[in-house]
N, C-alpha and C. Protein backbone atom coordinates (compact mmCIF):
# COMPACT_ATOMS: atom_id res chain seq x y z
N UNK A 1 0.84 -1.19 0.00
CA UNK A 1 0.00 -0.04 0.01
C UNK A 1 0.88 1.22 0.01
N UNK A 2 0.62 2.16 -0.90
CA UNK A 2 1.34 3.43 -1.02
C UNK A 2 0.70 4.55 -0.23
N UNK A 3 1.47 5.18 0.58
CA UNK A 3 0.99 6.35 1.44
C UNK A 3 1.36 7.58 0.67
N UNK A 4 0.23 8.38 0.36
CA UNK A 4 0.37 9.68 -0.38
C UNK A 4 0.22 10.80 0.60
N UNK A 5 1.11 11.67 0.66
CA UNK A 5 1.21 12.80 1.64
C UNK A 5 0.85 14.05 0.83
N UNK A 6 -0.32 14.71 1.25
CA UNK A 6 -0.75 15.84 0.66
C UNK A 6 -0.70 17.01 1.60
N UNK A 7 -0.03 18.10 1.29
CA UNK A 7 0.10 19.32 2.12
C UNK A 7 -0.61 20.42 1.59
N UNK A 8 -1.53 21.01 2.34
CA UNK A 8 -2.18 22.24 1.88
C UNK A 8 -2.05 23.24 3.02
N UNK A 9 -1.47 24.35 2.64
CA UNK A 9 -1.16 25.38 3.77
C UNK A 9 -2.22 26.44 3.56
N UNK A 10 -3.00 26.60 4.68
CA UNK A 10 -4.03 27.65 4.58
C UNK A 10 -3.77 28.97 5.32
N UNK A 11 -2.63 28.95 5.96
CA UNK A 11 -2.21 30.12 6.64
C UNK A 11 -1.68 31.24 5.76
N UNK A 12 -1.86 32.54 6.16
CA UNK A 12 -1.34 33.62 5.39
C UNK A 12 0.19 33.64 5.65
N UNK A 13 0.93 33.84 4.60
CA UNK A 13 2.40 33.83 4.78
C UNK A 13 2.89 35.15 4.22
N UNK A 14 3.63 35.90 5.14
CA UNK A 14 4.20 37.06 4.70
C UNK A 14 5.25 36.83 3.64
N UNK A 15 5.45 37.81 2.87
CA UNK A 15 6.40 37.50 1.68
C UNK A 15 7.96 37.18 2.15
N UNK A 16 8.33 37.82 3.31
CA UNK A 16 9.68 37.39 3.70
C UNK A 16 9.81 36.11 4.27
N UNK A 17 8.62 35.36 4.47
CA UNK A 17 8.69 33.98 5.03
C UNK A 17 8.72 33.00 3.86
N UNK A 18 8.56 33.33 2.67
CA UNK A 18 8.48 32.34 1.55
C UNK A 18 9.75 31.60 1.39
N UNK A 19 10.97 32.19 1.35
CA UNK A 19 12.19 31.48 1.30
C UNK A 19 12.36 30.48 2.37
N UNK A 20 11.94 30.80 3.62
CA UNK A 20 11.92 29.85 4.75
C UNK A 20 10.99 28.64 4.55
N UNK A 21 9.75 28.98 4.09
CA UNK A 21 8.79 27.91 3.79
C UNK A 21 9.45 27.04 2.75
N UNK A 22 10.03 27.54 1.57
CA UNK A 22 10.57 26.73 0.56
C UNK A 22 11.64 25.85 1.11
N UNK A 23 12.58 26.32 1.97
CA UNK A 23 13.68 25.57 2.48
C UNK A 23 13.08 24.44 3.36
N UNK A 24 12.03 24.80 4.15
CA UNK A 24 11.35 23.68 4.98
C UNK A 24 10.72 22.59 4.15
N UNK A 25 10.09 23.00 3.08
CA UNK A 25 9.36 22.02 2.21
C UNK A 25 10.35 21.01 1.57
N UNK A 26 11.68 21.51 1.31
CA UNK A 26 12.55 20.48 0.73
C UNK A 26 12.93 19.27 1.59
N UNK A 27 12.58 19.39 2.89
CA UNK A 27 12.82 18.27 3.80
C UNK A 27 11.67 17.31 3.80
N UNK A 28 10.61 17.57 3.23
CA UNK A 28 9.47 16.55 3.28
C UNK A 28 9.72 15.51 2.13
N UNK A 29 10.05 14.38 2.65
CA UNK A 29 10.49 13.30 1.68
C UNK A 29 9.40 12.44 1.05
N UNK A 30 8.15 12.49 1.57
CA UNK A 30 6.98 11.77 1.01
C UNK A 30 5.90 12.66 0.42
N UNK A 31 6.26 13.90 0.16
CA UNK A 31 5.22 14.84 -0.23
C UNK A 31 5.10 14.60 -1.79
N UNK A 32 3.82 14.35 -2.17
CA UNK A 32 3.55 14.13 -3.56
C UNK A 32 2.63 15.11 -4.31
N UNK A 33 1.97 15.95 -3.46
CA UNK A 33 1.05 17.03 -3.99
C UNK A 33 1.26 18.26 -3.21
N UNK A 34 1.44 19.39 -3.86
CA UNK A 34 1.64 20.69 -3.16
C UNK A 34 0.93 21.75 -3.91
N UNK A 35 0.05 22.42 -3.13
CA UNK A 35 -0.81 23.52 -3.67
C UNK A 35 -0.40 24.83 -2.89
N UNK A 36 0.22 25.83 -3.74
CA UNK A 36 0.57 27.00 -3.02
C UNK A 36 -0.15 28.18 -3.81
N UNK A 37 -0.92 28.99 -3.08
CA UNK A 37 -1.68 30.09 -3.71
C UNK A 37 -1.23 31.33 -2.96
N UNK A 38 -1.52 32.53 -3.76
CA UNK A 38 -1.35 33.82 -3.15
C UNK A 38 -0.04 34.15 -2.59
N UNK A 39 0.96 33.84 -3.28
CA UNK A 39 2.32 34.07 -2.88
C UNK A 39 2.90 35.20 -3.77
N UNK A 40 4.09 35.81 -3.32
CA UNK A 40 4.82 36.65 -4.12
C UNK A 40 6.22 36.03 -4.16
N UNK A 41 6.83 36.10 -5.36
CA UNK A 41 8.15 35.63 -5.65
C UNK A 41 9.12 36.85 -5.55
N UNK A 42 8.68 38.04 -5.13
CA UNK A 42 9.51 39.30 -5.16
C UNK A 42 10.67 39.12 -4.15
N UNK A 43 10.51 38.41 -3.13
CA UNK A 43 11.61 38.22 -2.11
C UNK A 43 12.24 36.90 -2.22
N UNK A 44 11.90 36.19 -3.23
CA UNK A 44 12.63 34.84 -3.45
C UNK A 44 14.02 34.98 -3.99
N UNK A 45 14.88 34.31 -3.33
CA UNK A 45 16.26 34.25 -3.72
C UNK A 45 16.44 33.52 -5.06
N UNK A 46 17.65 33.57 -5.71
CA UNK A 46 17.89 32.95 -6.98
C UNK A 46 17.60 31.52 -7.10
N UNK A 47 17.50 30.78 -6.00
CA UNK A 47 17.29 29.28 -6.20
C UNK A 47 15.90 28.91 -6.49
N UNK A 48 14.95 29.75 -6.59
CA UNK A 48 13.70 29.49 -7.18
C UNK A 48 12.79 28.53 -6.40
N UNK A 49 11.95 27.73 -7.05
CA UNK A 49 11.01 26.95 -6.41
C UNK A 49 11.63 25.76 -5.69
N UNK A 50 11.03 25.28 -4.52
CA UNK A 50 11.61 24.21 -3.83
C UNK A 50 11.78 22.85 -4.62
N UNK A 51 12.83 22.17 -4.51
CA UNK A 51 12.90 20.91 -5.13
C UNK A 51 12.75 19.89 -4.08
N UNK A 52 11.58 19.20 -4.35
CA UNK A 52 11.11 18.10 -3.52
C UNK A 52 11.15 16.78 -4.28
N UNK A 53 12.03 15.94 -4.08
CA UNK A 53 12.33 14.83 -5.01
C UNK A 53 10.99 13.90 -5.15
N UNK A 54 10.16 13.80 -4.13
CA UNK A 54 8.94 13.00 -4.24
C UNK A 54 7.74 13.67 -4.76
N UNK A 55 7.82 14.87 -5.04
CA UNK A 55 6.63 15.63 -5.59
C UNK A 55 6.34 15.25 -6.96
N UNK A 56 5.02 14.99 -7.11
CA UNK A 56 4.46 14.60 -8.45
C UNK A 56 3.56 15.73 -9.10
N UNK A 57 2.85 16.45 -8.29
CA UNK A 57 1.89 17.43 -8.69
C UNK A 57 2.24 18.71 -8.02
N UNK A 58 2.30 19.81 -8.68
CA UNK A 58 2.55 21.14 -8.14
C UNK A 58 1.52 22.09 -8.71
N UNK A 59 0.73 22.72 -7.82
CA UNK A 59 -0.24 23.73 -8.25
C UNK A 59 0.17 25.16 -7.72
N UNK A 60 0.33 25.98 -8.57
CA UNK A 60 0.75 27.50 -8.23
C UNK A 60 -0.49 28.26 -8.63
N UNK A 61 -1.06 28.90 -7.70
CA UNK A 61 -2.26 29.75 -8.03
C UNK A 61 -1.92 31.26 -7.56
N UNK A 62 -2.03 32.20 -8.41
CA UNK A 62 -1.96 33.58 -8.21
C UNK A 62 -0.67 33.88 -7.50
N UNK A 63 0.39 33.50 -8.15
CA UNK A 63 1.70 33.65 -7.51
C UNK A 63 2.31 34.98 -8.28
N UNK A 64 2.45 36.01 -7.59
CA UNK A 64 2.87 37.35 -8.11
C UNK A 64 4.39 37.26 -8.42
N UNK A 65 4.84 37.95 -9.47
CA UNK A 65 6.22 37.89 -9.88
C UNK A 65 6.85 36.58 -10.11
N UNK A 66 6.04 35.65 -10.50
CA UNK A 66 6.64 34.31 -10.89
C UNK A 66 7.15 34.44 -12.30
N UNK A 67 8.50 34.20 -12.44
CA UNK A 67 9.17 34.31 -13.72
C UNK A 67 8.96 32.94 -14.46
N UNK A 68 8.76 33.02 -15.81
CA UNK A 68 8.82 31.78 -16.61
C UNK A 68 10.08 31.03 -16.45
N UNK A 69 11.22 31.55 -16.32
CA UNK A 69 12.47 30.89 -16.22
C UNK A 69 12.56 30.14 -14.97
N UNK A 70 11.88 30.70 -13.89
CA UNK A 70 11.85 29.97 -12.53
C UNK A 70 11.21 28.76 -12.65
N UNK A 71 9.96 28.59 -13.32
CA UNK A 71 9.28 27.38 -13.68
C UNK A 71 10.04 26.50 -14.57
N UNK A 72 10.75 27.08 -15.57
CA UNK A 72 11.49 26.23 -16.53
C UNK A 72 12.68 25.63 -15.71
N UNK A 73 13.41 26.31 -14.94
CA UNK A 73 14.45 25.74 -14.19
C UNK A 73 13.98 24.66 -13.25
N UNK A 74 12.85 24.85 -12.67
CA UNK A 74 12.25 23.81 -11.83
C UNK A 74 11.91 22.43 -12.61
N UNK A 75 11.42 22.68 -13.79
CA UNK A 75 11.02 21.52 -14.67
C UNK A 75 12.28 20.85 -14.97
N UNK A 76 13.36 21.59 -15.35
CA UNK A 76 14.46 20.88 -15.98
C UNK A 76 15.50 20.31 -14.96
N UNK A 77 15.27 20.65 -13.67
CA UNK A 77 16.14 20.17 -12.75
C UNK A 77 15.98 18.70 -12.63
N UNK A 78 17.17 17.88 -12.70
CA UNK A 78 17.13 16.53 -12.73
C UNK A 78 16.55 15.79 -11.43
N UNK A 79 16.49 16.66 -10.38
CA UNK A 79 15.96 16.03 -9.14
C UNK A 79 14.40 16.11 -9.12
N UNK A 80 13.82 16.79 -9.98
CA UNK A 80 12.33 16.95 -10.07
C UNK A 80 11.78 15.76 -10.79
N UNK A 81 10.64 15.16 -10.11
CA UNK A 81 9.93 14.14 -10.84
C UNK A 81 8.49 14.56 -10.95
N UNK A 82 8.24 15.81 -11.13
CA UNK A 82 6.89 16.30 -11.19
C UNK A 82 6.32 15.90 -12.53
N UNK A 83 5.00 15.36 -12.54
CA UNK A 83 4.34 14.84 -13.69
C UNK A 83 3.30 16.01 -14.18
N UNK A 84 2.87 16.87 -13.17
CA UNK A 84 1.92 17.86 -13.55
C UNK A 84 2.21 19.15 -12.78
N UNK A 85 2.28 20.30 -13.56
CA UNK A 85 2.44 21.61 -12.93
C UNK A 85 1.21 22.43 -13.42
N UNK A 86 0.50 23.01 -12.56
CA UNK A 86 -0.63 23.89 -12.80
C UNK A 86 -0.29 25.25 -12.38
N UNK A 87 -0.32 26.28 -13.24
CA UNK A 87 -0.09 27.61 -13.01
C UNK A 87 -1.43 28.40 -13.23
N UNK A 88 -2.11 28.92 -12.17
CA UNK A 88 -3.33 29.50 -12.42
C UNK A 88 -3.11 31.05 -12.00
N UNK A 89 -3.65 31.89 -12.99
CA UNK A 89 -3.60 33.34 -12.62
C UNK A 89 -5.04 33.95 -12.98
N UNK A 90 -5.89 33.90 -12.09
CA UNK A 90 -7.25 34.49 -12.44
C UNK A 90 -7.73 35.45 -11.31
């Protein structure tokens, strides 16, 4: 039997906390689905989106200042095994 870990964060996160959140998410070894909404990438350092080796589905909703190259770097990283990335801006 396969255990699927799903993490949904419903708390408001101040922009300066996003890098700390991303660093912490990298330590989740069984995380397969991650949905992040209403974030800003303005304070994000150059290392971009968190690399979570077990992650299969990433949903980004209303992420302000998300650069296309950030998403491309995430997709092309050999440690990433994501099958589906959803980027929603409505």
